[in-house]
Protein backbone atom coordinates (compact mmCIF):
# COMPACT_ATOMS: atom_id res chain seq x y z
CA UNK A 1 0.09 -0.06 0.03
CA UNK A 2 2.30 3.07 -1.03
CA UNK A 3 -0.64 5.94 0.74
CA UNK A 4 1.48 6.33 4.28
CA UNK A 5 -0.11 7.65 7.43
CA UNK A 6 0.06 10.74 8.25
CA UNK A 7 -0.80 11.63 4.35
CA UNK A 8 -3.78 13.76 2.88
CA UNK A 9 -6.23 11.92 0.47
CA UNK A 10 -9.62 12.86 -0.98
CA UNK A 11 -12.62 10.47 -0.05
CA UNK A 12 -14.32 9.23 -3.35
CA UNK A 13 -16.84 7.50 -2.17
CA UNK A 14 -19.64 7.38 0.18
CA UNK A 15 -21.27 9.18 2.72
CA UNK A 16 -17.87 11.22 3.19
CA UNK A 17 -17.54 11.35 -0.50
CA UNK A 18 -14.89 15.02 -1.16
CA UNK A 19 -14.19 14.76 2.31
CA UNK A 20 -10.50 16.02 1.70
CA UNK A 21 -8.80 14.79 5.96
CA UNK A 22 -5.42 13.31 7.21
CA UNK A 23 -5.29 9.95 7.11
CA UNK A 24 -4.32 8.39 11.02
CA UNK A 25 -3.85 4.87 11.09
CA UNK A 26 -3.31 2.28 7.88
CA UNK A 27 -3.41 -1.34 8.25
CA UNK A 28 -1.66 -2.46 5.48
CA UNK A 29 -2.22 -6.50 6.52
CA UNK A 30 -6.21 -5.70 5.73
CA UNK A 31 -6.17 -2.87 3.45
CA UNK A 32 -7.86 -0.34 5.02
CA UNK A 33 -6.94 2.93 6.76
CA UNK A 34 -8.32 5.57 9.08
CA UNK A 35 -8.73 8.65 7.96
CA UNK A 36 -10.20 11.93 10.60
CA UNK A 37 -13.89 12.71 11.14
CA UNK A 38 -14.50 10.01 7.97
CA UNK A 39 -17.00 6.98 8.75
CA UNK A 40 -17.35 7.93 12.52
CA UNK A 41 -19.51 5.60 14.59
CA UNK A 42 -21.21 5.80 18.32
CA UNK A 43 -19.61 3.40 20.89
CA UNK A 44 -20.86 2.60 24.14
CA UNK A 45 -19.35 2.78 27.03
CA UNK A 46 -20.13 1.70 30.36
CA UNK A 47 -18.65 3.07 33.59
CA UNK A 48 -15.52 2.69 34.56
CA UNK A 49 -12.43 2.96 36.44
CA UNK A 50 -11.22 4.50 32.74
CA UNK A 51 -14.20 6.10 32.08
CA UNK A 52 -15.73 7.62 34.63
CA UNK A 53 -18.90 8.87 33.30
CA UNK A 54 -19.84 6.92 30.62
CA UNK A 55 -21.60 7.14 27.53
CA UNK A 56 -21.18 7.45 23.44
CA UNK A 57 -18.21 8.34 22.65
CA UNK A 58 -17.56 8.87 18.70
CA UNK A 59 -14.69 7.40 16.52
CA UNK A 60 -13.71 6.81 13.78
CA UNK A 61 -13.50 3.14 12.16
CA UNK A 62 -11.74 2.22 8.87
CA UNK A 63 -12.16 2.31 5.24
CA UNK A 64 -11.22 0.95 1.97
CA UNK A 65 -8.43 2.46 0.39
CA UNK A 66 -9.27 1.68 -2.91
CA UNK A 67 -12.37 4.34 -1.82
CA UNK A 68 -9.94 7.10 -1.06
CA UNK A 69 -7.17 8.93 -3.67
CA UNK A 70 -4.02 10.73 -2.42
CA UNK A 71 -4.80 14.77 -2.71
CA UNK A 72 -0.95 15.43 -4.40
CA UNK A 73 1.23 18.13 -2.91
CA UNK A 74 2.78 19.83 -5.88
CA UNK A 75 -0.67 20.32 -8.22
CA UNK A 76 -3.59 19.45 -5.89
CA UNK A 77 -5.24 16.58 -6.85
CA UNK A 78 -6.67 14.00 -5.94
CA UNK A 79 -4.33 11.62 -7.89
CA UNK A 80 -2.98 7.41 -8.21
CA UNK A 81 0.57 6.90 -6.54
CA UNK A 82 3.08 5.25 -9.24
CA UNK A 83 6.74 3.60 -7.98
CA UNK A 84 10.07 5.54 -9.68
CA UNK A 85 12.89 3.33 -9.19
CA UNK A 86 16.20 4.73 -8.62
CA UNK A 87 19.82 4.24 -10.27
CA UNK A 88 21.09 3.51 -7.31
CA UNK A 89 18.17 0.73 -6.19
CA UNK A 90 15.71 3.02 -3.27
CA UNK A 91 11.95 3.35 -4.38
CA UNK A 92 9.71 6.72 -4.03
CA UNK A 93 6.14 7.25 -4.54
CA UNK A 94 4.91 9.23 -7.75
CA UNK A 95 2.48 11.02 -8.96
CA UNK A 96 0.74 10.09 -11.93
CA UNK A 97 -0.53 13.12 -12.80
CA UNK A 98 2.10 16.00 -12.52
CA UNK A 99 5.00 13.59 -12.35
CA UNK A 100 6.83 14.80 -8.95
CA UNK A 101 7.97 13.15 -6.59
CA UNK A 102 6.33 12.45 -3.30
CA UNK A 103 8.45 10.45 -0.74
CA UNK A 104 10.56 7.68 -0.44
CA UNK A 105 9.63 4.41 -0.36
CA UNK A 106 12.54 2.84 0.52
CA UNK A 107 15.95 3.64 0.21
CA UNK A 108 18.77 2.03 -1.86
CA UNK A 109 20.80 -0.81 -0.11
CA UNK A 110 24.21 0.34 1.19
CA UNK A 111 27.09 -1.48 -0.06
CA UNK A 112 29.44 -4.13 1.41
CA UNK A 113 32.58 -3.42 0.47
CA UNK A 114 35.72 -6.45 0.84
CA UNK A 115 38.19 -5.59 2.31
CA UNK A 116 41.20 -7.90 2.99
CA UNK A 117 43.55 -7.75 6.25
């Protein structure tokens, strides 16, 4: 999954369609992510030591990653992401609309020099 926590995304489907918000957490194994202010549900909580008042707590639930598009920081449009492989072997995210570099995915491995003693 190319979307990381802290990225600005636009929701493309559902009740929150068109909303631009920050990604809070990412669940790459499930292909889901939690977006700030999107897919809010009420959790009914009983009184306890931890939550002394009880009542209804509002929290965000995960949505599928296919329902959002990353908003490019360079062109400001929601766009798909591509991967660009550098000459040294490092990988970086690339905007498909304008071609801007959006951050490093994987750094290049340092070559191991063998020295004779």
